[in-house]
Amino acid sequence: MAQLSESILKVIAYFDMFNHPVTMEEIHQFLDQSVRSKDLEPALHQLLNKQLIWRLGRFYSLRNDPQLEQRRLNGNMLAVKRLKLAMRISRVLAWFPYIRGIGISGSLSKNIAHEGSDYDFFIVTAANRLWIARTLQHLFVKAFPRLRYFCCLNYYIDERALEIGERNIFTATEVITLLPACGKRSFQQFFKANQWALDFVPNAAFRKLPAKEISSWPLKRLTEWMLNNGMGERLDDALMKFFSRRWTTLMSRKQITATGFQLGAVVIEKHLCKPMPQHFQQNILNRFEQKIADVKKQYAVIQD
């Protein structure tokens, strides 16, 4: 019971960093040990009785704050609308050359949205054409101010780099909650390459695959045909070097955006483009480690 209680506290503590109370089903999904869902209730009651956690409607939290329940409910309702729009945007983004898969990540993939929050997309491209695909998509998004405001194309991988390099609770949670929007085959391969995520959350399962493969319309096929050669390879390399120089310059200025990110803090490689893990991701892991230490200390005092 003590071990299970600690595992439950870890789940609630992780999502508490995002002011996100969780249901019993979500606690079971993100536990770090394999248990039956019905075995959770006794441990949850014990934690409630000791006031280590609080019940807010059908949610559980480290804090006895009813506003968290209302925030979660409002976030769920807004996410229903936002997901419909995100799915439509995904279908448009899939029109571009060399795009093989579009997924929805971030808070929206967890069925949460708030006013001012953006749409995070996870994009899989054809091998060795990531930078051509990314450039075309970003030029399109920049041409439409409304899209640029809330459409965040922040994570690209190509079909030669499907396995996520960092293995921790943050990346495991993001992989498990990633919502595939387009590209059945690509996400089938992506989930296969990232089975390690289930080691962190053994009760979880990957999200349902899209029903169909990405359609390839004539202009997309023509563009790919024209660039499936040495010229396309040189263009992709040139674009990667251009953005590498640009973001190195931005990093040197140490400018921070309104959301707390440092401009240019991006990993740039031939087969991937993503935010630097040591910025947002490592910050989350450090906060989680401290929160777990605090919770364990409180739990130990009560146990004594």
C-alpha atoms as a PDB file:
ATOM      1  CA  MET A   1       0.000   0.000   0.000  1.00  0.00           C
ATOM      2  CA  ALA A   2       2.822   2.420   0.866  1.00  0.00           C
ATOM      3  CA  GLN A   3       4.525   1.872  -2.490  1.00  0.00           C
ATOM      4  CA  LEU A   4       1.266   2.335  -4.387  1.00  0.00           C
ATOM      5  CA  SER A   5       0.487   5.487  -2.391  1.00  0.00           C
ATOM      6  CA  GLU A   6       3.857   6.965  -3.335  1.00  0.00           C
ATOM      7  CA  SER A   7       3.204   6.168  -6.994  1.00  0.00           C
ATOM      8  CA  ILE A   8      -0.189   7.876  -6.812  1.00  0.00           C
ATOM      9  CA  LEU A   9       1.362  10.929  -5.190  1.00  0.00           C
ATOM     10  CA  LYS A  10       3.939  11.129  -7.996  1.00  0.00           C
ATOM     11  CA  VAL A  11       1.213  11.241 -10.653  1.00  0.00           C
ATOM     12  CA  ILE A  12      -0.826  13.888  -8.859  1.00  0.00           C
ATOM     13  CA  ALA A  13       2.319  15.903  -8.110  1.00  0.00           C
ATOM     14  CA  TYR A  14       3.440  15.823 -11.747  1.00  0.00           C
ATOM     15  CA  PHE A  15       0.194  17.246 -13.065  1.00  0.00           C
ATOM     16  CA  ASP A  16      -0.088  19.639 -10.132  1.00  0.00           C
ATOM     17  CA  MET A  17       2.850  21.534 -11.657  1.00  0.00           C
ATOM     18  CA  PHE A  18       0.449  22.452 -14.466  1.00  0.00           C
ATOM     19  CA  ASN A  19      -2.478  23.233 -12.092  1.00  0.00           C
ATOM     20  CA  HIS A  20      -4.138  20.133 -13.500  1.00  0.00           C
ATOM     21  CA  PRO A  21      -6.141  17.927 -11.090  1.00  0.00           C
ATOM     22  CA  VAL A  22      -6.552  14.363 -12.360  1.00  0.00           C
ATOM     23  CA  THR A  23      -9.219  11.678 -12.416  1.00  0.00           C
ATOM     24  CA  MET A  24      -8.773   8.188 -10.990  1.00  0.00           C
ATOM     25  CA  GLU A  25      -8.556   6.863 -14.555  1.00  0.00           C
ATOM     26  CA  GLU A  26      -5.727   9.287 -15.335  1.00  0.00           C
ATOM     27  CA  ILE A  27      -3.904   8.365 -12.141  1.00  0.00           C
ATOM     28  CA  HIS A  28      -4.066   4.715 -13.172  1.00  0.00           C
ATOM     29  CA  GLN A  29      -2.875   5.535 -16.686  1.00  0.00           C
ATOM     30  CA  PHE A  30       0.241   7.392 -15.519  1.00  0.00           C
ATOM     31  CA  LEU A  31       1.277   5.207 -12.582  1.00  0.00           C
ATOM     32  CA  ASP A  32       4.884   3.999 -12.666  1.00  0.00           C
ATOM     33  CA  GLN A  33       3.835   0.454 -11.734  1.00  0.00           C
ATOM     34  CA  SER A  34       1.434  -2.047 -13.216  1.00  0.00           C
ATOM     35  CA  VAL A  35      -1.702  -2.415 -11.070  1.00  0.00           C
ATOM     36  CA  ARG A  36      -5.396  -3.060 -11.529  1.00  0.00           C
ATOM     37  CA  SER A  37      -7.534   0.075 -11.536  1.00  0.00           C
ATOM     38  CA  LYS A  38      -9.761  -1.287  -8.758  1.00  0.00           C
ATOM     39  CA  ASP A  39      -6.717  -1.511  -6.448  1.00  0.00           C
ATOM     40  CA  LEU A  40      -6.387   2.276  -6.494  1.00  0.00           C
ATOM     41  CA  GLU A  41      -9.443   3.057  -4.385  1.00  0.00           C
ATOM     42  CA  PRO A  42      -8.102   1.879  -0.981  1.00  0.00           C
ATOM     43  CA  ALA A  43      -4.856   3.783  -1.483  1.00  0.00           C
ATOM     44  CA  LEU A  44      -6.706   6.906  -2.609  1.00  0.00           C
ATOM     45  CA  HIS A  45      -9.001   6.757   0.440  1.00  0.00           C
ATOM     46  CA  GLN A  46      -5.981   6.432   2.703  1.00  0.00           C
ATOM     47  CA  LEU A  47      -4.317   9.483   1.148  1.00  0.00           C
ATOM     48  CA  LEU A  48      -7.563  11.449   1.393  1.00  0.00           C
ATOM     49  CA  ASN A  49      -8.008  10.549   5.050  1.00  0.00           C
ATOM     50  CA  LYS A  50      -4.469  11.730   5.809  1.00  0.00           C
ATOM     51  CA  GLN A  51      -5.125  14.923   3.824  1.00  0.00           C
ATOM     52  CA  LEU A  52      -2.137  14.330   1.599  1.00  0.00           C
ATOM     53  CA  ILE A  53      -4.473  14.771  -1.366  1.00  0.00           C
ATOM     54  CA  TRP A  54      -7.889  16.335  -1.845  1.00  0.00           C
ATOM     55  CA  ARG A  55     -10.908  15.370  -3.890  1.00  0.00           C
ATOM     56  CA  LEU A  56     -12.391  18.092  -6.070  1.00  0.00           C
ATOM     57  CA  GLY A  57     -15.503  16.631  -7.668  1.00  0.00           C
ATOM     58  CA  ARG A  58     -14.212  13.708  -9.714  1.00  0.00           C
ATOM     59  CA  PHE A  59     -10.636  15.024  -9.645  1.00  0.00           C
ATOM     60  CA  TYR A  60      -7.744  14.576  -7.213  1.00  0.00           C
ATOM     61  CA  SER A  61      -5.224  17.273  -6.320  1.00  0.00           C
ATOM     62  CA  LEU A  62      -2.453  18.110  -3.867  1.00  0.00           C
ATOM     63  CA  ARG A  63      -4.333  21.322  -3.079  1.00  0.00           C
ATOM     64  CA  ASN A  64      -7.766  21.872  -1.565  1.00  0.00           C
ATOM     65  CA  ASP A  65      -8.660  24.536  -4.093  1.00  0.00           C
ATOM     66  CA  PRO A  66     -12.102  24.306  -5.773  1.00  0.00           C
ATOM     67  CA  GLN A  67     -10.924  26.749  -8.434  1.00  0.00           C
ATOM     68  CA  LEU A  68      -8.678  24.009  -9.816  1.00  0.00           C
ATOM     69  CA  GLU A  69     -11.727  21.849 -10.507  1.00  0.00           C
ATOM     70  CA  GLN A  70     -13.501  24.684 -12.305  1.00  0.00           C
ATOM     71  CA  ARG A  71     -10.343  25.495 -14.256  1.00  0.00           C
ATOM     72  CA  ARG A  72     -10.074  21.880 -15.353  1.00  0.00           C
ATOM     73  CA  LEU A  73     -13.762  21.708 -16.365  1.00  0.00           C
ATOM     74  CA  ASN A  74     -13.503  24.965 -18.324  1.00  0.00           C
ATOM     75  CA  GLY A  75     -10.314  23.716 -19.965  1.00  0.00           C
ATOM     76  CA  ASN A  76     -11.980  20.471 -21.021  1.00  0.00           C
ATOM     77  CA  MET A  77     -14.947  22.303 -22.557  1.00  0.00           C
ATOM     78  CA  LEU A  78     -12.765  24.723 -24.502  1.00  0.00           C
ATOM     79  CA  ALA A  79     -10.533  21.855 -25.683  1.00  0.00           C
ATOM     80  CA  VAL A  80     -13.481  20.226 -27.449  1.00  0.00           C
ATOM     81  CA  LYS A  81     -13.788  23.283 -29.699  1.00  0.00           C
ATOM     82  CA  ARG A  82     -10.067  23.793 -30.076  1.00  0.00           C
ATOM     83  CA  LEU A  83      -9.437  20.166 -31.045  1.00  0.00           C
ATOM     84  CA  LYS A  84     -11.860  20.444 -33.952  1.00  0.00           C
ATOM     85  CA  LEU A  85      -9.977  23.449 -35.286  1.00  0.00           C
ATOM     86  CA  ALA A  86      -6.587  21.818 -34.629  1.00  0.00           C
ATOM     87  CA  MET A  87      -7.688  18.796 -36.648  1.00  0.00           C
ATOM     88  CA  ARG A  88      -8.673  21.054 -39.559  1.00  0.00           C
ATOM     89  CA  ILE A  89      -5.340  22.874 -39.375  1.00  0.00           C
ATOM     90  CA  SER A  90      -3.575  19.500 -39.348  1.00  0.00           C
ATOM     91  CA  ARG A  91      -5.249  18.501 -42.591  1.00  0.00           C
ATOM     92  CA  VAL A  92      -4.063  21.745 -44.215  1.00  0.00           C
ATOM     93  CA  LEU A  93      -0.504  21.282 -42.908  1.00  0.00           C
ATOM     94  CA  ALA A  94      -0.530  17.765 -44.359  1.00  0.00           C
ATOM     95  CA  TRP A  95      -0.870  19.187 -47.889  1.00  0.00           C
ATOM     96  CA  PHE A  96       2.760  20.312 -47.900  1.00  0.00           C
ATOM     97  CA  PRO A  97       5.528  18.344 -49.631  1.00  0.00           C
ATOM     98  CA  TYR A  98       7.304  15.651 -47.621  1.00  0.00           C
ATOM     99  CA  ILE A  99       4.859  15.771 -44.704  1.00  0.00           C
ATOM    100  CA  ARG A 100       4.150  12.219 -43.537  1.00  0.00           C
ATOM    101  CA  GLY A 101       2.448  12.734 -40.190  1.00  0.00           C
ATOM    102  CA  ILE A 102       0.847  15.498 -38.110  1.00  0.00           C
ATOM    103  CA  GLY A 103       0.181  15.072 -34.401  1.00  0.00           C
ATOM    104  CA  ILE A 104      -1.268  17.349 -31.720  1.00  0.00           C
ATOM    105  CA  SER A 105       0.847  17.695 -28.588  1.00  0.00           C
ATOM    106  CA  GLY A 106       1.041  19.941 -25.535  1.00  0.00           C
ATOM    107  CA  SER A 107      -1.946  20.699 -23.309  1.00  0.00           C
ATOM    108  CA  LEU A 108      -4.456  20.241 -26.123  1.00  0.00           C
ATOM    109  CA  SER A 109      -3.440  16.591 -26.525  1.00  0.00           C
ATOM    110  CA  LYS A 110      -4.426  16.175 -22.867  1.00  0.00           C
ATOM    111  CA  ASN A 111      -7.870  17.612 -23.594  1.00  0.00           C
ATOM    112  CA  ILE A 112      -7.064  20.971 -21.980  1.00  0.00           C
ATOM    113  CA  ALA A 113      -7.187  24.468 -23.489  1.00  0.00           C
ATOM    114  CA  HIS A 114      -7.232  27.931 -21.959  1.00  0.00           C
ATOM    115  CA  GLU A 115      -7.683  31.394 -23.380  1.00  0.00           C
ATOM    116  CA  GLY A 116      -4.444  32.467 -24.987  1.00  0.00           C
ATOM    117  CA  SER A 117      -2.971  28.955 -25.199  1.00  0.00           C
ATOM    118  CA  ASP A 118      -1.570  27.912 -28.560  1.00  0.00           C
ATOM    119  CA  TYR A 119      -1.817  24.785 -30.695  1.00  0.00           C
ATOM    120  CA  ASP A 120       1.288  22.593 -30.521  1.00  0.00           C
ATOM    121  CA  PHE A 121       1.959  20.349 -33.511  1.00  0.00           C
ATOM    122  CA  PHE A 122       4.326  17.397 -33.771  1.00  0.00           C
ATOM    123  CA  ILE A 123       5.357  16.792 -37.360  1.00  0.00           C
ATOM    124  CA  VAL A 124       6.922  13.800 -39.108  1.00  0.00           C
ATOM    125  CA  THR A 125       8.569  14.361 -42.493  1.00  0.00           C
ATOM    126  CA  ALA A 126      10.045  12.158 -45.163  1.00  0.00           C
ATOM    127  CA  ALA A 127      13.659  11.121 -44.574  1.00  0.00           C
ATOM    128  CA  ASN A 128      16.266  13.784 -45.442  1.00  0.00           C
ATOM    129  CA  ARG A 129      13.676  16.422 -46.390  1.00  0.00           C
ATOM    130  CA  LEU A 130      12.784  17.841 -42.976  1.00  0.00           C
ATOM    131  CA  TRP A 131      14.158  21.322 -43.641  1.00  0.00           C
ATOM    132  CA  ILE A 132      12.384  21.745 -46.962  1.00  0.00           C
ATOM    133  CA  ALA A 133       9.091  20.645 -45.387  1.00  0.00           C
ATOM    134  CA  ARG A 134       9.577  22.844 -42.336  1.00  0.00           C
ATOM    135  CA  THR A 135      10.492  25.934 -44.366  1.00  0.00           C
ATOM    136  CA  LEU A 136       7.442  25.648 -46.608  1.00  0.00           C
ATOM    137  CA  GLN A 137       5.114  25.202 -43.645  1.00  0.00           C
ATOM    138  CA  HIS A 138       6.567  28.133 -41.730  1.00  0.00           C
ATOM    139  CA  LEU A 139       6.343  30.435 -44.747  1.00  0.00           C
ATOM    140  CA  PHE A 140       2.682  29.488 -45.025  1.00  0.00           C
ATOM    141  CA  VAL A 141       1.972  30.100 -41.334  1.00  0.00           C
ATOM    142  CA  LYS A 142       3.791  33.448 -41.375  1.00  0.00           C
ATOM    143  CA  ALA A 143       1.643  34.568 -44.315  1.00  0.00           C
ATOM    144  CA  PHE A 144      -1.439  34.362 -42.107  1.00  0.00           C
ATOM    145  CA  PRO A 145      -1.156  36.455 -38.901  1.00  0.00           C
ATOM    146  CA  ARG A 146      -3.954  34.585 -37.112  1.00  0.00           C
ATOM    147  CA  LEU A 147      -2.243  31.242 -37.732  1.00  0.00           C
ATOM    148  CA  ARG A 148       1.117  32.645 -36.662  1.00  0.00           C
ATOM    149  CA  TYR A 149      -0.399  33.837 -33.382  1.00  0.00           C
ATOM    150  CA  PHE A 150      -1.597  30.457 -32.108  1.00  0.00           C
ATOM    151  CA  CYS A 151      -0.105  27.783 -34.397  1.00  0.00           C
ATOM    152  CA  CYS A 152       3.121  26.427 -32.864  1.00  0.00           C
ATOM    153  CA  LEU A 153       5.157  24.177 -35.181  1.00  0.00           C
ATOM    154  CA  ASN A 154       7.856  23.435 -32.655  1.00  0.00           C
ATOM    155  CA  TYR A 155       8.832  19.782 -33.056  1.00  0.00           C
ATOM    156  CA  TYR A 156       9.902  18.107 -36.313  1.00  0.00           C
ATOM    157  CA  ILE A 157      11.423  14.687 -36.872  1.00  0.00           C
ATOM    158  CA  ASP A 158      11.935  12.755 -40.071  1.00  0.00           C
ATOM    159  CA  GLU A 159      11.371   9.074 -40.703  1.00  0.00           C
ATOM    160  CA  ARG A 160      15.010   8.292 -39.874  1.00  0.00           C
ATOM    161  CA  ALA A 161      14.756   9.739 -36.363  1.00  0.00           C
ATOM    162  CA  LEU A 162      11.472   8.435 -34.995  1.00  0.00           C
ATOM    163  CA  GLU A 163      12.838   7.414 -31.604  1.00  0.00           C
ATOM    164  CA  ILE A 164      12.789  10.194 -29.003  1.00  0.00           C
ATOM    165  CA  GLY A 165      16.294  10.516 -27.545  1.00  0.00           C
ATOM    166  CA  GLU A 166      15.447  11.718 -24.034  1.00  0.00           C
ATOM    167  CA  ARG A 167      13.835   9.072 -21.849  1.00  0.00           C
ATOM    168  CA  ASN A 168      12.137  10.467 -18.760  1.00  0.00           C
ATOM    169  CA  ILE A 169       8.681  11.010 -17.298  1.00  0.00           C
ATOM    170  CA  PHE A 170       8.207  14.236 -19.254  1.00  0.00           C
ATOM    171  CA  THR A 171       8.931  12.729 -22.679  1.00  0.00           C
ATOM    172  CA  ALA A 172       7.064   9.522 -21.817  1.00  0.00           C
ATOM    173  CA  THR A 173       3.974  11.545 -20.910  1.00  0.00           C
ATOM    174  CA  GLU A 174       4.208  13.556 -24.119  1.00  0.00           C
ATOM    175  CA  VAL A 175       4.611  10.418 -26.268  1.00  0.00           C
ATOM    176  CA  ILE A 176       1.686   8.642 -24.590  1.00  0.00           C
ATOM    177  CA  THR A 177      -0.637  11.637 -24.892  1.00  0.00           C
ATOM    178  CA  LEU A 178       0.424  12.582 -28.441  1.00  0.00           C
ATOM    179  CA  LEU A 179      -2.737  12.699 -30.556  1.00  0.00           C
ATOM    180  CA  PRO A 180      -2.153  11.594 -34.168  1.00  0.00           C
ATOM    181  CA  ALA A 181      -4.211  13.695 -36.571  1.00  0.00           C
ATOM    182  CA  CYS A 182      -2.882  12.605 -39.989  1.00  0.00           C
ATOM    183  CA  GLY A 183      -0.529   9.903 -41.187  1.00  0.00           C
ATOM    184  CA  LYS A 184      -1.418   6.388 -40.077  1.00  0.00           C
ATOM    185  CA  ARG A 185       1.774   4.628 -41.188  1.00  0.00           C
ATOM    186  CA  SER A 186       4.142   7.250 -39.760  1.00  0.00           C
ATOM    187  CA  PHE A 187       2.573   7.168 -36.308  1.00  0.00           C
ATOM    188  CA  GLN A 188       2.404   3.397 -36.350  1.00  0.00           C
ATOM    189  CA  GLN A 189       6.183   3.409 -36.848  1.00  0.00           C
ATOM    190  CA  PHE A 190       6.658   6.228 -34.337  1.00  0.00           C
ATOM    191  CA  PHE A 191       4.852   4.377 -31.549  1.00  0.00           C
ATOM    192  CA  LYS A 192       6.753   1.212 -32.385  1.00  0.00           C
ATOM    193  CA  ALA A 193      10.054   3.107 -32.077  1.00  0.00           C
ATOM    194  CA  ASN A 194       9.049   4.530 -28.695  1.00  0.00           C
ATOM    195  CA  GLN A 195       7.830   1.487 -26.807  1.00  0.00           C
ATOM    196  CA  TRP A 196      10.231   2.544 -24.035  1.00  0.00           C
ATOM    197  CA  ALA A 197       7.595   5.084 -22.898  1.00  0.00           C
ATOM    198  CA  LEU A 198       5.523   2.195 -21.530  1.00  0.00           C
ATOM    199  CA  ASP A 199       8.344   1.399 -19.088  1.00  0.00           C
ATOM    200  CA  PHE A 200       7.524   4.691 -17.340  1.00  0.00           C
ATOM    201  CA  VAL A 201       3.730   4.288 -17.517  1.00  0.00           C
ATOM    202  CA  PRO A 202       2.991   0.545 -17.874  1.00  0.00           C
ATOM    203  CA  ASN A 203      -0.794   0.922 -17.544  1.00  0.00           C
ATOM    204  CA  ALA A 204      -0.994   3.376 -20.431  1.00  0.00           C
ATOM    205  CA  ALA A 205      -1.579   2.822 -24.140  1.00  0.00           C
ATOM    206  CA  PHE A 206      -0.678   4.845 -27.211  1.00  0.00           C
ATOM    207  CA  ARG A 207      -3.416   6.937 -28.767  1.00  0.00           C
ATOM    208  CA  LYS A 208      -5.565   5.640 -31.589  1.00  0.00           C
ATOM    209  CA  LEU A 209      -4.031   5.866 -35.047  1.00  0.00           C
ATOM    210  CA  PRO A 210      -5.653   8.033 -37.756  1.00  0.00           C
ATOM    211  CA  ALA A 211      -8.121   6.137 -39.896  1.00  0.00           C
ATOM    212  CA  LYS A 212      -6.432   7.123 -43.162  1.00  0.00           C
ATOM    213  CA  GLU A 213      -3.034   7.845 -44.621  1.00  0.00           C
ATOM    214  CA  ILE A 214      -2.153  11.393 -45.694  1.00  0.00           C
ATOM    215  CA  SER A 215      -3.463  12.046 -49.191  1.00  0.00           C
ATOM    216  CA  SER A 216      -0.965  13.185 -51.803  1.00  0.00           C
ATOM    217  CA  TRP A 217      -2.446  15.765 -54.157  1.00  0.00           C
ATOM    218  CA  PRO A 218      -0.897  16.479 -57.591  1.00  0.00           C
ATOM    219  CA  LEU A 219       1.138  19.584 -56.640  1.00  0.00           C
ATOM    220  CA  LYS A 220       2.607  17.788 -53.630  1.00  0.00           C
ATOM    221  CA  ARG A 221       3.585  14.779 -55.748  1.00  0.00           C
ATOM    222  CA  LEU A 222       5.064  17.040 -58.424  1.00  0.00           C
ATOM    223  CA  THR A 223       7.148  19.044 -55.937  1.00  0.00           C
ATOM    224  CA  GLU A 224       8.506  15.887 -54.336  1.00  0.00           C
ATOM    225  CA  TRP A 225       9.306  14.408 -57.745  1.00  0.00           C
ATOM    226  CA  MET A 226      11.252  17.560 -58.639  1.00  0.00           C
ATOM    227  CA  LEU A 227      13.237  17.471 -55.382  1.00  0.00           C
ATOM    228  CA  ASN A 228      13.861  13.727 -55.019  1.00  0.00           C
ATOM    229  CA  ASN A 229      17.395  14.127 -56.312  1.00  0.00           C
ATOM    230  CA  GLY A 230      20.737  15.704 -55.496  1.00  0.00           C
ATOM    231  CA  MET A 231      19.328  19.198 -55.866  1.00  0.00           C
ATOM    232  CA  GLY A 232      16.736  18.463 -53.180  1.00  0.00           C
ATOM    233  CA  GLU A 233      19.431  17.088 -50.890  1.00  0.00           C
ATOM    234  CA  ARG A 234      21.595  20.182 -51.318  1.00  0.00           C
ATOM    235  CA  LEU A 235      18.603  22.468 -50.746  1.00  0.00           C
ATOM    236  CA  ASP A 236      17.669  20.665 -47.536  1.00  0.00           C
ATOM    237  CA  ASP A 237      21.251  20.946 -46.254  1.00  0.00           C
ATOM    238  CA  ALA A 238      21.422  24.637 -47.195  1.00  0.00           C
ATOM    239  CA  LEU A 239      18.187  25.407 -45.328  1.00  0.00           C
ATOM    240  CA  MET A 240      19.430  23.564 -42.241  1.00  0.00           C
ATOM    241  CA  LYS A 241      22.674  25.602 -42.260  1.00  0.00           C
ATOM    242  CA  PHE A 242      20.747  28.850 -42.768  1.00  0.00           C
ATOM    243  CA  PHE A 243      18.509  28.256 -39.755  1.00  0.00           C
ATOM    244  CA  SER A 244      21.443  27.048 -37.692  1.00  0.00           C
ATOM    245  CA  ARG A 245      23.244  30.356 -38.257  1.00  0.00           C
ATOM    246  CA  ARG A 246      20.069  32.346 -37.641  1.00  0.00           C
ATOM    247  CA  TRP A 247      19.234  30.644 -34.355  1.00  0.00           C
ATOM    248  CA  THR A 248      22.831  30.809 -33.139  1.00  0.00           C
ATOM    249  CA  THR A 249      22.603  34.586 -33.579  1.00  0.00           C
ATOM    250  CA  LEU A 250      19.282  34.709 -31.745  1.00  0.00           C
ATOM    251  CA  MET A 251      20.679  32.617 -28.887  1.00  0.00           C
ATOM    252  CA  SER A 252      23.586  35.042 -28.478  1.00  0.00           C
ATOM    253  CA  ARG A 253      21.121  37.891 -27.859  1.00  0.00           C
ATOM    254  CA  LYS A 254      19.537  35.985 -24.941  1.00  0.00           C
ATOM    255  CA  GLN A 255      16.065  37.341 -25.674  1.00  0.00           C
ATOM    256  CA  ILE A 256      13.187  35.786 -23.742  1.00  0.00           C
ATOM    257  CA  THR A 257       9.702  35.514 -25.241  1.00  0.00           C
ATOM    258  CA  ALA A 258       6.485  36.366 -23.379  1.00  0.00           C
ATOM    259  CA  THR A 259       6.008  32.639 -22.667  1.00  0.00           C
ATOM    260  CA  GLY A 260       9.448  32.317 -21.078  1.00  0.00           C
ATOM    261  CA  PHE A 261      11.365  30.664 -23.916  1.00  0.00           C
ATOM    262  CA  GLN A 262      14.744  31.875 -25.097  1.00  0.00           C
ATOM    263  CA  LEU A 263      14.774  32.789 -28.764  1.00  0.00           C
ATOM    264  CA  GLY A 264      16.894  30.402 -30.793  1.00  0.00           C
ATOM    265  CA  ALA A 265      16.931  27.684 -28.124  1.00  0.00           C
ATOM    266  CA  VAL A 266      16.469  24.951 -30.714  1.00  0.00           C
ATOM    267  CA  VAL A 267      18.203  21.654 -31.475  1.00  0.00           C
ATOM    268  CA  ILE A 268      19.138  21.667 -35.157  1.00  0.00           C
ATOM    269  CA  GLU A 269      20.119  18.394 -36.809  1.00  0.00           C
ATOM    270  CA  LYS A 270      19.635  16.810 -40.204  1.00  0.00           C
ATOM    271  CA  HIS A 271      16.791  14.600 -39.019  1.00  0.00           C
ATOM    272  CA  LEU A 272      15.183  16.694 -36.276  1.00  0.00           C
ATOM    273  CA  CYS A 273      14.314  20.174 -35.125  1.00  0.00           C
ATOM    274  CA  LYS A 274      13.032  20.622 -31.577  1.00  0.00           C
ATOM    275  CA  PRO A 275      13.259  22.885 -28.517  1.00  0.00           C
ATOM    276  CA  MET A 276      16.415  22.371 -26.469  1.00  0.00           C
ATOM    277  CA  PRO A 277      15.626  19.851 -23.686  1.00  0.00           C
ATOM    278  CA  GLN A 278      17.770  21.734 -21.153  1.00  0.00           C
ATOM    279  CA  HIS A 279      15.387  24.672 -21.297  1.00  0.00           C
ATOM    280  CA  PHE A 280      11.679  23.863 -20.756  1.00  0.00           C
ATOM    281  CA  GLN A 281      11.978  20.080 -20.343  1.00  0.00           C
ATOM    282  CA  GLN A 282      14.780  20.144 -17.783  1.00  0.00           C
ATOM    283  CA  ASN A 283      13.033  22.888 -15.857  1.00  0.00           C
ATOM    284  CA  ILE A 284       9.951  20.670 -15.559  1.00  0.00           C
ATOM    285  CA  LEU A 285      12.038  17.689 -14.425  1.00  0.00           C
ATOM    286  CA  ASN A 286      13.826  19.769 -11.796  1.00  0.00           C
ATOM    287  CA  ARG A 287      10.551  21.136 -10.453  1.00  0.00           C
ATOM    288  CA  PHE A 288       9.082  17.622 -10.392  1.00  0.00           C
ATOM    289  CA  GLU A 289      12.060  16.256  -8.464  1.00  0.00           C
ATOM    290  CA  GLN A 290      11.691  19.005  -5.864  1.00  0.00           C
ATOM    291  CA  LYS A 291       7.944  18.523  -5.601  1.00  0.00           C
ATOM    292  CA  ILE A 292       8.346  14.770  -5.105  1.00  0.00           C
ATOM    293  CA  ALA A 293      10.937  15.386  -2.384  1.00  0.00           C
ATOM    294  CA  ASP A 294       8.515  17.718  -0.584  1.00  0.00           C
ATOM    295  CA  VAL A 295       5.608  15.270  -0.914  1.00  0.00           C
ATOM    296  CA  LYS A 296       7.702  12.332   0.321  1.00  0.00           C
ATOM    297  CA  LYS A 297       8.845  14.356   3.315  1.00  0.00           C
ATOM    298  CA  GLN A 298       5.246  15.168   4.206  1.00  0.00           C
ATOM    299  CA  TYR A 299       4.221  11.545   3.631  1.00  0.00           C
ATOM    300  CA  ALA A 300       7.052  10.290   5.873  1.00  0.00           C
ATOM    301  CA  VAL A 301       6.019  12.647   8.692  1.00  0.00           C
ATOM    302  CA  ILE A 302       2.447  11.366   8.557  1.00  0.00           C
ATOM    303  CA  GLN A 303       3.614   7.762   8.429  1.00  0.00           C
ATOM    304  CA  ASP A 304       5.666   8.342  11.596  1.00  0.00           C
END
